PDB file of N, CA and C in Angstrom:
ATOM      1  N   UNK A   1     -68.536   6.857 100.456  1.00  0.00           N
ATOM      2  CA  UNK A   1     -68.563   6.263 101.774  1.00  0.00           C
ATOM      3  C   UNK A   1     -68.136   7.309 102.798  1.00  0.00           C
ATOM      4  N   UNK A   2     -68.810   7.345 103.917  1.00  0.00           N
ATOM      5  CA  UNK A   2     -68.518   8.335 104.949  1.00  0.00           C
ATOM      6  C   UNK A   2     -67.149   8.111 105.578  1.00  0.00           C
ATOM      7  N   UNK A   3     -66.528   9.183 106.003  1.00  0.00           N
ATOM      8  CA  UNK A   3     -65.252   9.145 106.719  1.00  0.00           C
ATOM      9  C   UNK A   3     -64.071   8.637 105.897  1.00  0.00           C
ATOM     10  N   UNK A   4     -64.178   8.675 104.592  1.00  0.00           N
ATOM     11  CA  UNK A   4     -63.020   8.330 103.761  1.00  0.00           C
ATOM     12  C   UNK A   4     -62.150   9.564 103.583  1.00  0.00           C
ATOM     13  N   UNK A   5     -60.864   9.328 103.470  1.00  0.00           N
ATOM     14  CA  UNK A   5     -59.917  10.395 103.181  1.00  0.00           C
ATOM     15  C   UNK A   5     -59.201  10.031 101.889  1.00  0.00           C
ATOM     16  N   UNK A   6     -58.699  11.048 101.206  1.00  0.00           N
ATOM     17  CA  UNK A   6     -57.986  10.840  99.949  1.00  0.00           C
ATOM     18  C   UNK A   6     -56.488  10.861 100.235  1.00  0.00           C
ATOM     19  N   UNK A   7     -55.788   9.859  99.742  1.00  0.00           N
ATOM     20  CA  UNK A   7     -54.346   9.725  99.961  1.00  0.00           C
ATOM     21  C   UNK A   7     -53.621   9.561  98.630  1.00  0.00           C
ATOM     22  N   UNK A   8     -52.420  10.063  98.590  1.00  0.00           N
ATOM     23  CA  UNK A   8     -51.474   9.755  97.518  1.00  0.00           C
ATOM     24  C   UNK A   8     -50.397   8.902  98.163  1.00  0.00           C
ATOM     25  N   UNK A   9     -50.155   7.736  97.579  1.00  0.00           N
ATOM     26  CA  UNK A   9     -49.128   6.830  98.098  1.00  0.00           C
ATOM     27  C   UNK A   9     -48.072   6.679  97.006  1.00  0.00           C
ATOM     28  N   UNK A  10     -46.838   6.939  97.376  1.00  0.00           N
ATOM     29  CA  UNK A  10     -45.733   6.827  96.432  1.00  0.00           C
ATOM     30  C   UNK A  10     -44.606   6.048  97.101  1.00  0.00           C
ATOM     31  N   UNK A  11     -43.864   5.296  96.309  1.00  0.00           N
ATOM     32  CA  UNK A  11     -42.854   4.448  96.919  1.00  0.00           C
ATOM     33  C   UNK A  11     -41.620   4.326  96.037  1.00  0.00           C
ATOM     34  N   UNK A  12     -40.506   4.086  96.710  1.00  0.00           N
ATOM     35  CA  UNK A  12     -39.210   3.867  96.079  1.00  0.00           C
ATOM     36  C   UNK A  12     -38.673   2.566  96.679  1.00  0.00           C
ATOM     37  N   UNK A  13     -38.763   1.493  95.909  1.00  0.00           N
ATOM     38  CA  UNK A  13     -38.391   0.157  96.376  1.00  0.00           C
ATOM     39  C   UNK A  13     -37.166  -0.296  95.590  1.00  0.00           C
ATOM     40  N   UNK A  14     -36.131  -0.719  96.295  1.00  0.00           N
ATOM     41  CA  UNK A  14     -34.848  -0.996  95.636  1.00  0.00           C
ATOM     42  C   UNK A  14     -34.775  -2.317  94.892  1.00  0.00           C
ATOM     43  N   UNK A  15     -35.586  -3.287  95.274  1.00  0.00           N
ATOM     44  CA  UNK A  15     -35.484  -4.621  94.681  1.00  0.00           C
ATOM     45  C   UNK A  15     -36.727  -4.914  93.847  1.00  0.00           C
ATOM     46  N   UNK A  16     -36.563  -5.303  92.575  1.00  0.00           N
ATOM     47  CA  UNK A  16     -37.712  -5.485  91.672  1.00  0.00           C
ATOM     48  C   UNK A  16     -38.801  -6.439  92.182  1.00  0.00           C
ATOM     49  N   UNK A  17     -38.421  -7.546  92.821  1.00  0.00           N
ATOM     50  CA  UNK A  17     -39.446  -8.482  93.313  1.00  0.00           C
ATOM     51  C   UNK A  17     -40.271  -7.848  94.431  1.00  0.00           C
ATOM     52  N   UNK A  18     -39.625  -7.092  95.318  1.00  0.00           N
ATOM     53  CA  UNK A  18     -40.364  -6.382  96.378  1.00  0.00           C
ATOM     54  C   UNK A  18     -41.238  -5.309  95.761  1.00  0.00           C
ATOM     55  N   UNK A  19     -40.726  -4.615  94.736  1.00  0.00           N
ATOM     56  CA  UNK A  19     -41.517  -3.584  94.062  1.00  0.00           C
ATOM     57  C   UNK A  19     -42.798  -4.197  93.501  1.00  0.00           C
ATOM     58  N   UNK A  20     -42.700  -5.369  92.880  1.00  0.00           N
ATOM     59  CA  UNK A  20     -43.881  -6.036  92.317  1.00  0.00           C
ATOM     60  C   UNK A  20     -44.885  -6.392  93.405  1.00  0.00           C
ATOM     61  N   UNK A  21     -44.417  -6.850  94.561  1.00  0.00           N
ATOM     62  CA  UNK A  21     -45.318  -7.173  95.667  1.00  0.00           C
ATOM     63  C   UNK A  21     -46.027  -5.917  96.172  1.00  0.00           C
ATOM     64  N   UNK A  22     -45.292  -4.827  96.285  1.00  0.00           N
ATOM     65  CA  UNK A  22     -45.892  -3.557  96.717  1.00  0.00           C
ATOM     66  C   UNK A  22     -46.929  -3.113  95.690  1.00  0.00           C
ATOM     67  N   UNK A  23     -46.592  -3.182  94.416  1.00  0.00           N
ATOM     68  CA  UNK A  23     -47.508  -2.778  93.347  1.00  0.00           C
ATOM     69  C   UNK A  23     -48.799  -3.592  93.399  1.00  0.00           C
ATOM     70  N   UNK A  24     -48.677  -4.909  93.506  1.00  0.00           N
ATOM     71  CA  UNK A  24     -49.874  -5.775  93.569  1.00  0.00           C
ATOM     72  C   UNK A  24     -50.710  -5.455  94.810  1.00  0.00           C
ATOM     73  N   UNK A  25     -50.059  -5.208  95.920  1.00  0.00           N
ATOM     74  CA  UNK A  25     -50.775  -4.858  97.151  1.00  0.00           C
ATOM     75  C   UNK A  25     -51.521  -3.545  96.972  1.00  0.00           C
ATOM     76  N   UNK A  26     -50.864  -2.556  96.389  1.00  0.00           N
ATOM     77  CA  UNK A  26     -51.479  -1.235  96.227  1.00  0.00           C
ATOM     78  C   UNK A  26     -52.666  -1.269  95.274  1.00  0.00           C
ATOM     79  N   UNK A  27     -52.654  -2.169  94.293  1.00  0.00           N
ATOM     80  CA  UNK A  27     -53.792  -2.271  93.374  1.00  0.00           C
ATOM     81  C   UNK A  27     -55.078  -2.616  94.123  1.00  0.00           C
ATOM     82  N   UNK A  28     -54.960  -3.225  95.287  1.00  0.00           N
ATOM     83  CA  UNK A  28     -56.117  -3.549  96.102  1.00  0.00           C
ATOM     84  C   UNK A  28     -56.621  -2.383  96.938  1.00  0.00           C
ATOM     85  N   UNK A  29     -55.874  -1.280  96.958  1.00  0.00           N
ATOM     86  CA  UNK A  29     -56.250  -0.142  97.806  1.00  0.00           C
ATOM     87  C   UNK A  29     -56.555   1.143  97.042  1.00  0.00           C
ATOM     88  N   UNK A  30     -56.158   1.218  95.789  1.00  0.00           N
ATOM     89  CA  UNK A  30     -56.384   2.480  95.100  1.00  0.00           C
ATOM     90  C   UNK A  30     -56.192   2.389  93.603  1.00  0.00           C
ATOM     91  N   UNK A  31     -56.122   3.561  92.990  1.00  0.00           N
ATOM     92  CA  UNK A  31     -55.991   3.685  91.537  1.00  0.00           C
ATOM     93  C   UNK A  31     -54.543   4.010  91.193  1.00  0.00           C
ATOM     94  N   UNK A  32     -54.004   3.252  90.265  1.00  0.00           N
ATOM     95  CA  UNK A  32     -52.637   3.456  89.805  1.00  0.00           C
ATOM     96  C   UNK A  32     -52.591   4.706  88.940  1.00  0.00           C
ATOM     97  N   UNK A  33     -51.745   5.656  89.323  1.00  0.00           N
ATOM     98  CA  UNK A  33     -51.612   6.902  88.561  1.00  0.00           C
ATOM     99  C   UNK A  33     -50.362   6.915  87.700  1.00  0.00           C
ATOM    100  N   UNK A  34     -49.271   6.433  88.260  1.00  0.00           N
ATOM    101  CA  UNK A  34     -47.988   6.459  87.580  1.00  0.00           C
ATOM    102  C   UNK A  34     -47.128   5.341  88.140  1.00  0.00           C
ATOM    103  N   UNK A  35     -45.955   5.119  87.602  1.00  0.00           N
ATOM    104  CA  UNK A  35     -45.116   3.966  87.944  1.00  0.00           C
ATOM    105  C   UNK A  35     -45.205   3.545  89.415  1.00  0.00           C
ATOM    106  N   UNK A  36     -44.896   4.412  90.339  1.00  0.00           N
ATOM    107  CA  UNK A  36     -44.934   4.065  91.767  1.00  0.00           C
ATOM    108  C   UNK A  36     -45.818   5.029  92.545  1.00  0.00           C
ATOM    109  N   UNK A  37     -46.958   5.395  91.958  1.00  0.00           N
ATOM    110  CA  UNK A  37     -47.864   6.366  92.578  1.00  0.00           C
ATOM    111  C   UNK A  37     -49.306   5.874  92.478  1.00  0.00           C
ATOM    112  N   UNK A  38     -49.997   5.880  93.624  1.00  0.00           N
ATOM    113  CA  UNK A  38     -51.404   5.496  93.678  1.00  0.00           C
ATOM    114  C   UNK A  38     -52.217   6.577  94.364  1.00  0.00           C
ATOM    115  N   UNK A  39     -53.479   6.700  93.956  1.00  0.00           N
ATOM    116  CA  UNK A  39     -54.448   7.561  94.635  1.00  0.00           C
ATOM    117  C   UNK A  39     -55.447   6.637  95.317  1.00  0.00           C
ATOM    118  N   UNK A  40     -55.691   6.861  96.612  1.00  0.00           N
ATOM    119  CA  UNK A  40     -56.539   5.952  97.385  1.00  0.00           C
ATOM    120  C   UNK A  40     -57.586   6.722  98.183  1.00  0.00           C
ATOM    121  N   UNK A  41     -58.820   6.220  98.193  1.00  0.00           N
ATOM    122  CA  UNK A  41     -59.899   6.694  99.078  1.00  0.00           C
ATOM    123  C   UNK A  41     -60.044   5.631 100.154  1.00  0.00           C
ATOM    124  N   UNK A  42     -59.704   5.989 101.391  1.00  0.00           N
ATOM    125  CA  UNK A  42     -59.664   4.972 102.445  1.00  0.00           C
ATOM    126  C   UNK A  42     -60.277   5.460 103.746  1.00  0.00           C
ATOM    127  N   UNK A  43     -60.919   4.541 104.452  1.00  0.00           N
ATOM    128  CA  UNK A  43     -61.328   4.811 105.821  1.00  0.00           C
ATOM    129  C   UNK A  43     -60.083   4.699 106.693  1.00  0.00           C
ATOM    130  N   UNK A  44     -60.175   5.120 107.932  1.00  0.00           N
ATOM    131  CA  UNK A  44     -59.036   5.025 108.843  1.00  0.00           C
ATOM    132  C   UNK A  44     -58.607   3.570 109.018  1.00  0.00           C
ATOM    133  N   UNK A  45     -59.569   2.682 109.064  1.00  0.00           N
ATOM    134  CA  UNK A  45     -59.266   1.258 109.236  1.00  0.00           C
ATOM    135  C   UNK A  45     -58.518   0.699 108.023  1.00  0.00           C
ATOM    136  N   UNK A  46     -58.991   1.018 106.808  1.00  0.00           N
ATOM    137  CA  UNK A  46     -58.332   0.538 105.589  1.00  0.00           C
ATOM    138  C   UNK A  46     -56.936   1.152 105.438  1.00  0.00           C
ATOM    139  N   UNK A  47     -56.785   2.408 105.835  1.00  0.00           N
ATOM    140  CA  UNK A  47     -55.484   3.079 105.750  1.00  0.00           C
ATOM    141  C   UNK A  47     -54.496   2.384 106.682  1.00  0.00           C
ATOM    142  N   UNK A  48     -54.928   2.060 107.902  1.00  0.00           N
ATOM    143  CA  UNK A  48     -54.064   1.368 108.860  1.00  0.00           C
ATOM    144  C   UNK A  48     -53.714  -0.032 108.348  1.00  0.00           C
ATOM    145  N   UNK A  49     -54.691  -0.722 107.775  1.00  0.00           N
ATOM    146  CA  UNK A  49     -54.467  -2.060 107.210  1.00  0.00           C
ATOM    147  C   UNK A  49     -53.441  -1.993 106.082  1.00  0.00           C
ATOM    148  N   UNK A  50     -53.603  -0.992 105.202  1.00  0.00           N
ATOM    149  CA  UNK A  50     -52.674  -0.827 104.081  1.00  0.00           C
ATOM    150  C   UNK A  50     -51.255  -0.582 104.592  1.00  0.00           C
ATOM    151  N   UNK A  51     -51.113   0.346 105.535  1.00  0.00           N
ATOM    152  CA  UNK A  51     -49.791   0.675 106.064  1.00  0.00           C
ATOM    153  C   UNK A  51     -49.138  -0.547 106.714  1.00  0.00           C
ATOM    154  N   UNK A  52     -49.925  -1.326 107.442  1.00  0.00           N
ATOM    155  CA  UNK A  52     -49.386  -2.509 108.096  1.00  0.00           C
ATOM    156  C   UNK A  52     -48.917  -3.548 107.069  1.00  0.00           C
ATOM    157  N   UNK A  53     -49.715  -3.744 106.021  1.00  0.00           N
ATOM    158  CA  UNK A  53     -49.324  -4.699 104.971  1.00  0.00           C
ATOM    159  C   UNK A  53     -48.055  -4.233 104.262  1.00  0.00           C
ATOM    160  N   UNK A  54     -47.994  -2.939 103.934  1.00  0.00           N
ATOM    161  CA  UNK A  54     -46.820  -2.405 103.247  1.00  0.00           C
ATOM    162  C   UNK A  54     -45.577  -2.513 104.123  1.00  0.00           C
ATOM    163  N   UNK A  55     -45.747  -2.202 105.408  1.00  0.00           N
ATOM    164  CA  UNK A  55     -44.618  -2.273 106.338  1.00  0.00           C
ATOM    165  C   UNK A  55     -44.030  -3.680 106.404  1.00  0.00           C
ATOM    166  N   UNK A  56     -44.891  -4.680 106.258  1.00  0.00           N
ATOM    167  CA  UNK A  56     -44.432  -6.060 106.275  1.00  0.00           C
ATOM    168  C   UNK A  56     -43.715  -6.489 105.006  1.00  0.00           C
ATOM    169  N   UNK A  57     -43.831  -5.694 103.942  1.00  0.00           N
ATOM    170  CA  UNK A  57     -43.217  -6.052 102.662  1.00  0.00           C
ATOM    171  C   UNK A  57     -41.887  -5.355 102.390  1.00  0.00           C
ATOM    172  N   UNK A  58     -41.643  -4.229 103.047  1.00  0.00           N
ATOM    173  CA  UNK A  58     -40.445  -3.448 102.720  1.00  0.00           C
ATOM    174  C   UNK A  58     -39.257  -3.804 103.601  1.00  0.00           C
ATOM    175  N   UNK A  59     -38.101  -3.352 103.158  1.00  0.00           N
ATOM    176  CA  UNK A  59     -36.892  -3.367 103.982  1.00  0.00           C
ATOM    177  C   UNK A  59     -36.658  -1.910 104.384  1.00  0.00           C
ATOM    178  N   UNK A  60     -36.916  -1.578 105.646  1.00  0.00           N
ATOM    179  CA  UNK A  60     -36.830  -0.180 106.081  1.00  0.00           C
ATOM    180  C   UNK A  60     -35.485   0.498 105.818  1.00  0.00           C
ATOM    181  N   UNK A  61     -34.416  -0.257 105.792  1.00  0.00           N
ATOM    182  CA  UNK A  61     -33.096   0.344 105.559  1.00  0.00           C
ATOM    183  C   UNK A  61     -32.850   0.652 104.084  1.00  0.00           C
ATOM    184  N   UNK A  62     -33.681   0.090 103.178  1.00  0.00           N
ATOM    185  CA  UNK A  62     -33.468   0.259 101.743  1.00  0.00           C
ATOM    186  C   UNK A  62     -34.624   0.929 101.010  1.00  0.00           C
ATOM    187  N   UNK A  63     -35.849   0.739 101.503  1.00  0.00           N
ATOM    188  CA  UNK A  63     -37.051   1.183 100.789  1.00  0.00           C
ATOM    189  C   UNK A  63     -37.692   2.387 101.474  1.00  0.00           C
ATOM    190  N   UNK A  64     -38.555   3.072 100.717  1.00  0.00           N
ATOM    191  CA  UNK A  64     -39.207   4.265 101.247  1.00  0.00           C
ATOM    192  C   UNK A  64     -40.621   4.370 100.674  1.00  0.00           C
ATOM    193  N   UNK A  65     -41.605   4.561 101.547  1.00  0.00           N
ATOM    194  CA  UNK A  65     -42.995   4.762 101.129  1.00  0.00           C
ATOM    195  C   UNK A  65     -43.499   6.041 101.769  1.00  0.00           C
ATOM    196  N   UNK A  66     -44.153   6.886 100.970  1.00  0.00           N
ATOM    197  CA  UNK A  66     -44.796   8.100 101.479  1.00  0.00           C
ATOM    198  C   UNK A  66     -46.299   7.944 101.337  1.00  0.00           C
ATOM    199  N   UNK A  67     -47.039   8.257 102.403  1.00  0.00           N
ATOM    200  CA  UNK A  67     -48.497   8.273 102.379  1.00  0.00           C
ATOM    201  C   UNK A  67     -48.910   9.708 102.679  1.00  0.00           C
ATOM    202  N   UNK A  68     -49.429  10.397 101.663  1.00  0.00           N
ATOM    203  CA  UNK A  68     -49.783  11.811 101.783  1.00  0.00           C
ATOM    204  C   UNK A  68     -51.295  11.936 101.945  1.00  0.00           C
ATOM    205  N   UNK A  69     -51.736  12.497 103.062  1.00  0.00           N
ATOM    206  CA  UNK A  69     -53.152  12.676 103.366  1.00  0.00           C
ATOM    207  C   UNK A  69     -53.611  14.011 102.770  1.00  0.00           C
ATOM    208  N   UNK A  70     -54.524  13.942 101.788  1.00  0.00           N
ATOM    209  CA  UNK A  70     -55.028  15.156 101.138  1.00  0.00           C
ATOM    210  C   UNK A  70     -56.281  15.709 101.808  1.00  0.00           C
ATOM    211  N   UNK A  71     -56.875  14.941 102.720  1.00  0.00           N
ATOM    212  CA  UNK A  71     -58.050  15.413 103.438  1.00  0.00           C
ATOM    213  C   UNK A  71     -59.281  14.576 103.150  1.00  0.00           C
ATOM    214  N   UNK A  72     -60.453  15.038 103.665  1.00  0.00           N
ATOM    215  CA  UNK A  72     -61.703  14.296 103.464  1.00  0.00           C
ATOM    216  C   UNK A  72     -61.996  14.085 101.980  1.00  0.00           C
ATOM    217  N   UNK A  73     -62.211  12.828 101.598  1.00  0.00           N
ATOM    218  CA  UNK A  73     -62.346  12.462 100.186  1.00  0.00           C
ATOM    219  C   UNK A  73     -63.501  13.176  99.484  1.00  0.00           C
ATOM    220  N   UNK A  74     -64.603  13.398 100.171  1.00  0.00           N
ATOM    221  CA  UNK A  74     -65.755  14.020  99.523  1.00  0.00           C
ATOM    222  C   UNK A  74     -65.615  15.521  99.333  1.00  0.00           C
ATOM    223  N   UNK A  75     -64.684  16.156 100.053  1.00  0.00           N
ATOM    224  CA  UNK A  75     -64.550  17.607  99.911  1.00  0.00           C
ATOM    225  C   UNK A  75     -63.240  18.038  99.260  1.00  0.00           C
ATOM    226  N   UNK A  76     -62.379  17.092  98.949  1.00  0.00           N
ATOM    227  CA  UNK A  76     -61.105  17.413  98.288  1.00  0.00           C
ATOM    228  C   UNK A  76     -61.316  17.407  96.782  1.00  0.00           C
ATOM    229  N   UNK A  77     -60.826  18.438  96.140  1.00  0.00           N
ATOM    230  CA  UNK A  77     -60.879  18.514  94.681  1.00  0.00           C
ATOM    231  C   UNK A  77     -59.443  18.656  94.180  1.00  0.00           C
ATOM    232  N   UNK A  78     -58.740  17.521  94.000  1.00  0.00           N
ATOM    233  CA  UNK A  78     -57.340  17.618  93.597  1.00  0.00           C
ATOM    234  C   UNK A  78     -57.200  18.296  92.231  1.00  0.00           C
ATOM    235  N   UNK A  79     -56.307  19.225  92.175  1.00  0.00           N
ATOM    236  CA  UNK A  79     -56.010  19.898  90.909  1.00  0.00           C
ATOM    237  C   UNK A  79     -54.698  19.316  90.407  1.00  0.00           C
ATOM    238  N   UNK A  80     -54.764  18.684  89.269  1.00  0.00           N
ATOM    239  CA  UNK A  80     -53.603  17.987  88.724  1.00  0.00           C
ATOM    240  C   UNK A  80     -53.194  18.646  87.418  1.00  0.00           C
ATOM    241  N   UNK A  81     -51.930  18.990  87.325  1.00  0.00           N
ATOM    242  CA  UNK A  81     -51.377  19.485  86.071  1.00  0.00           C
ATOM    243  C   UNK A  81     -50.585  18.345  85.458  1.00  0.00           C
ATOM    244  N   UNK A  82     -50.906  18.002  84.237  1.00  0.00           N
ATOM    245  CA  UNK A  82     -50.260  16.885  83.567  1.00  0.00           C
ATOM    246  C   UNK A  82     -49.453  17.392  82.381  1.00  0.00           C
ATOM    247  N   UNK A  83     -48.185  17.050  82.347  1.00  0.00           N
ATOM    248  CA  UNK A  83     -47.319  17.396  81.228  1.00  0.00           C
ATOM    249  C   UNK A  83     -47.003  16.103  80.490  1.00  0.00           C
ATOM    250  N   UNK A  84     -47.045  16.130  79.207  1.00  0.00           N
ATOM    251  CA  UNK A  84     -46.787  14.907  78.438  1.00  0.00           C
ATOM    252  C   UNK A  84     -48.082  14.149  78.216  1.00  0.00           C
ATOM    253  N   UNK A  85     -48.101  12.886  78.599  1.00  0.00           N
ATOM    254  CA  UNK A  85     -49.286  12.053  78.397  1.00  0.00           C
ATOM    255  C   UNK A  85     -50.489  12.652  79.112  1.00  0.00           C
ATOM    256  N   UNK A  86     -51.663  12.360  78.596  1.00  0.00           N
ATOM    257  CA  UNK A  86     -52.872  12.908  79.216  1.00  0.00           C
ATOM    258  C   UNK A  86     -53.156  12.216  80.547  1.00  0.00           C
ATOM    259  N   UNK A  87     -53.856  12.931  81.417  1.00  0.00           N
ATOM    260  CA  UNK A  87     -54.211  12.422  82.742  1.00  0.00           C
ATOM    261  C   UNK A  87     -55.724  12.342  82.838  1.00  0.00           C
ATOM    262  N   UNK A  88     -56.230  11.178  83.212  1.00  0.00           N
ATOM    263  CA  UNK A  88     -57.652  10.995  83.458  1.00  0.00           C
ATOM    264  C   UNK A  88     -57.833  10.731  84.939  1.00  0.00           C
ATOM    265  N   UNK A  89     -58.578  11.601  85.614  1.00  0.00           N
ATOM    266  CA  UNK A  89     -58.812  11.428  87.046  1.00  0.00           C
ATOM    267  C   UNK A  89     -59.556  10.121  87.283  1.00  0.00           C
ATOM    268  N   UNK A  90     -59.165   9.357  88.298  1.00  0.00           N
ATOM    269  CA  UNK A  90     -59.859   8.100  88.593  1.00  0.00           C
ATOM    270  C   UNK A  90     -61.316   8.356  88.949  1.00  0.00           C
ATOM    271  N   UNK A  91     -62.206   7.570  88.368  1.00  0.00           N
ATOM    272  CA  UNK A  91     -63.627   7.685  88.693  1.00  0.00           C
ATOM    273  C   UNK A  91     -63.901   6.905  89.962  1.00  0.00           C
ATOM    274  N   UNK A  92     -64.824   7.408  90.761  1.00  0.00           N
ATOM    275  CA  UNK A  92     -65.177   6.706  91.997  1.00  0.00           C
ATOM    276  C   UNK A  92     -66.032   5.500  91.627  1.00  0.00           C
ATOM    277  N   UNK A  93     -65.619   4.330  92.133  1.00  0.00           N
ATOM    278  CA  UNK A  93     -66.356   3.109  91.871  1.00  0.00           C
ATOM    279  C   UNK A  93     -66.116   2.138  93.011  1.00  0.00           C
ATOM    280  N   UNK A  94     -67.020   1.226  93.167  1.00  0.00           N
ATOM    281  CA  UNK A  94     -66.879   0.220  94.217  1.00  0.00           C
ATOM    282  C   UNK A  94     -65.759  -0.747  93.855  1.00  0.00           C
ATOM    283  N   UNK A  95     -64.957  -1.130  94.846  1.00  0.00           N
ATOM    284  CA  UNK A  95     -63.881  -2.091  94.651  1.00  0.00           C
ATOM    285  C   UNK A  95     -64.100  -3.247  95.611  1.00  0.00           C
ATOM    286  N   UNK A  96     -64.175  -4.443  95.088  1.00  0.00           N
ATOM    287  CA  UNK A  96     -64.341  -5.624  95.911  1.00  0.00           C
ATOM    288  C   UNK A  96     -62.975  -6.241  96.136  1.00  0.00           C
ATOM    289  N   UNK A  97     -62.606  -6.395  97.393  1.00  0.00           N
ATOM    290  CA  UNK A  97     -61.284  -6.939  97.734  1.00  0.00           C
ATOM    291  C   UNK A  97     -61.447  -8.290  98.384  1.00  0.00           C
TER     292      UNK A  97
END
């Protein structure tokens, strides 16, 4: 899809129930890579929607979310070094939300 950017979203949520809500929300926006890490291909509109939804779920004084912009999704080739368990790069596929 045109104008998508690739993001890494990682979070540190202090309360387990809030963590579960964040996790379920993130499953609608990207691919789960690790415990609190997702890779997302998003348009500017979807990225803003995601950030707004996440902001409504966290406690700013206790929780922390990082959204790292890696650049245009079609031209970024993330190089991942995996130690321990094997890493399979997420395949691009349509997601119906």
